[in-house]
Protein backbone atom coordinates (compact mmCIF):
# COMPACT_ATOMS: atom_id res chain seq x y z
CA MET A 1 6.20 9.89 15.75
CA PRO A 2 7.08 10.22 12.06
CA HIS A 3 8.79 13.38 10.84
CA PHE A 4 10.19 14.72 7.60
CA GLY A 5 13.91 14.58 7.00
CA SER A 6 15.85 17.58 5.72
CA ARG A 7 15.45 16.58 2.05
CA SER A 8 11.68 16.21 2.37
CA LEU A 9 11.44 19.55 4.17
CA ALA A 10 13.50 21.24 1.46
CA ASN A 11 11.30 19.75 -1.29
CA LEU A 12 8.10 20.67 0.54
CA ALA A 13 9.31 24.25 1.04
CA THR A 14 9.17 24.70 -2.76
CA CYS A 15 5.44 23.92 -2.76
CA HIS A 16 2.35 26.07 -2.32
CA ALA A 17 1.35 26.78 1.29
CA ASP A 18 -1.70 24.48 1.00
CA ALA A 19 0.55 21.52 0.13
CA GLN A 20 2.76 22.38 3.09
CA ILE A 21 -0.24 22.50 5.44
CA ILE A 22 -1.63 19.19 4.13
CA MET A 23 1.64 17.31 4.32
CA SER A 24 2.59 18.77 7.71
CA LEU A 25 -0.58 17.20 9.08
CA VAL A 26 -0.16 13.94 7.15
CA ILE A 27 3.35 13.34 8.52
CA GLU A 28 2.03 13.41 12.09
CA GLU A 29 0.47 9.98 11.49
CA PHE A 30 1.76 8.58 8.18
CA ASP A 31 5.49 8.19 7.62
CA CYS A 32 6.29 9.43 4.14
CA SER A 33 8.85 11.35 2.15
CA ILE A 34 8.47 14.30 -0.19
CA VAL A 35 10.69 13.24 -3.07
CA GLU A 36 9.97 16.21 -5.32
CA GLY A 37 8.32 19.61 -5.23
CA HIS A 38 9.33 22.32 -7.68
CA ARG A 39 10.92 20.97 -10.85
CA PRO A 40 13.17 23.22 -12.95
CA GLN A 41 12.20 23.44 -16.63
CA ALA A 42 15.43 21.72 -17.76
CA LEU A 43 14.55 18.68 -15.63
CA GLN A 44 10.96 18.78 -16.93
CA ASP A 45 12.31 18.81 -20.49
CA ASP A 46 14.48 15.77 -19.68
CA TYR A 47 11.56 13.88 -18.09
CA PHE A 48 9.35 14.68 -21.09
CA ALA A 49 12.03 13.55 -23.57
CA ARG A 50 12.47 10.25 -21.69
CA GLY A 51 8.71 9.64 -21.46
CA LEU A 52 8.64 10.13 -17.69
CA SER A 53 6.23 13.05 -18.00
CA LYS A 54 3.32 13.58 -20.37
CA VAL A 55 3.56 17.40 -20.33
CA ARG A 56 6.23 19.86 -21.43
CA THR A 57 5.36 22.25 -18.62
CA GLY A 58 3.25 21.34 -15.63
CA LYS A 59 2.28 22.17 -12.07
CA HIS A 60 5.71 21.08 -10.79
CA ASN A 61 7.24 23.93 -12.81
CA LEU A 62 5.29 26.70 -11.11
CA THR A 63 6.75 28.77 -8.28
CA PRO A 64 5.57 27.87 -5.77
CA SER A 65 4.99 24.38 -7.08
CA MET A 66 1.38 23.28 -7.26
CA ALA A 67 2.48 19.62 -7.40
CA TRP A 68 4.65 17.28 -5.38
CA HIS A 69 5.67 13.64 -5.25
CA ALA A 70 5.23 11.79 -1.97
CA LEU A 71 5.98 8.18 -1.15
CA PRO A 72 5.48 6.06 1.96
CA TYR A 73 8.67 5.74 3.98
CA PHE A 74 9.50 2.34 5.39
CA ALA A 75 11.67 2.72 8.48
CA THR A 76 12.44 -1.01 8.45
CA LYS A 77 14.12 -0.82 5.03
CA PRO A 78 14.90 2.31 5.33
CA HIS A 79 13.87 3.89 2.09
CA VAL A 80 10.99 4.68 -0.20
CA ASP A 81 9.74 2.11 -2.70
CA TRP A 82 8.47 3.43 -6.04
CA ASN A 83 6.90 0.03 -6.79
CA HIS A 84 4.89 -0.53 -3.60
CA ARG A 85 1.57 0.43 -5.19
CA GLU A 86 -0.64 -0.76 -2.35
CA SER A 87 1.13 1.50 0.15
CA MET A 88 1.04 4.35 -2.33
CA GLN A 89 -2.73 3.93 -2.61
CA HIS A 90 -2.99 3.93 1.19
CA LEU A 91 -1.00 7.17 1.35
CA ALA A 92 -3.13 8.73 -1.39
CA GLY A 93 -6.32 8.05 0.56
CA TYR A 94 -4.78 9.57 3.66
CA ILE A 95 -3.57 12.68 1.83
CA ARG A 96 -6.86 13.23 0.01
CA ALA A 97 -8.93 12.74 3.17
CA THR A 98 -6.67 15.09 5.12
CA ALA A 99 -6.92 17.72 2.38
CA PHE A 100 -10.69 17.40 2.24
CA GLY A 101 -10.98 17.92 6.00
CA LEU A 102 -8.71 20.95 5.86
CA LEU A 103 -10.69 22.38 2.93
CA MET A 104 -14.01 21.90 4.73
CA ALA A 105 -12.58 23.57 7.86
CA GLY A 106 -11.42 26.53 5.78
CA HIS A 107 -7.71 25.98 6.44
CA ILE A 108 -6.79 25.54 2.76
CA THR A 109 -8.33 26.66 -0.53
CA HIS A 110 -7.44 23.77 -2.88
CA THR A 111 -8.44 20.18 -3.39
CA VAL A 112 -5.88 17.46 -4.13
CA ARG A 113 -5.81 15.52 -7.36
CA TRP A 114 -3.84 12.26 -7.26
CA GLY A 115 -1.91 10.78 -10.18
CA GLY A 116 -3.40 7.34 -9.57
CA ASP A 117 -6.96 8.58 -10.14
CA TRP A 118 -6.79 11.48 -12.61
CA ASP A 119 -10.53 11.47 -13.32
CA ARG A 120 -11.43 11.17 -9.61
CA ASP A 121 -13.81 8.23 -10.10
CA PHE A 122 -12.14 6.24 -7.28
CA ASP A 123 -11.14 3.54 -9.78
CA VAL A 124 -7.35 3.32 -9.72
CA ARG A 125 -7.23 1.19 -12.86
CA GLU A 126 -6.60 4.26 -14.99
CA THR A 127 -6.51 3.83 -18.74
CA GLN A 128 -4.22 6.81 -19.10
CA TRP A 129 -0.91 7.66 -17.45
CA ASP A 130 -0.71 6.63 -13.81
CA ASP A 131 1.69 8.40 -11.49
CA PHE A 132 1.02 7.05 -8.01
CA ALA A 133 3.54 9.39 -6.32
CA HIS A 134 2.04 12.55 -7.87
CA TYR A 135 -0.25 15.01 -6.09
CA GLU A 136 -1.42 18.38 -7.33
CA LEU A 137 -3.51 21.23 -6.03
CA GLU A 138 -6.63 22.41 -7.84
CA LYS A 139 -9.30 24.94 -7.11
CA PRO A 140 -12.52 23.18 -6.04
C-alpha cells in the first residue's frame, strides 16, 4: 500500500486540515508525493522574480497553507517526474474526485482547484498559466 515519506508528511503538515484529510485518503490508493505545502515569502519572491509563479503572494504563503504541490510517485524509478503530464492529470482527477466525495459527505468544507484547469471547464488546454502539480482549497 502506498504511503507518504517523511518529507511529504512534513510538507502536508503545513497545509490546512482539509488538504491533509484529502491527501491522507488519496495516498491509500494513489502513490504520490507532496513536494510543497507552505512557502515562505522569500521563496515566493524568488519564484515570482524567476517567472515560476504569477503572483507575489498566494495561497502557498498562508499559514496554514491553502495550497500544495503533489506529484505521482513512481516506485520503479524511484522519484517524481515534473514532466509526466498524463500521470499528473490522472492524479488531479483522483484528488478532485476524492475531495468532492469528502465535501458531499461533510468531512471537509473546501473544494479543490487544480492548476491544470484554473477555470474548471474540464479542458486542460489552458490558455493561461498551467501548473499541473498545484492544488488549492476554495470555499464552494
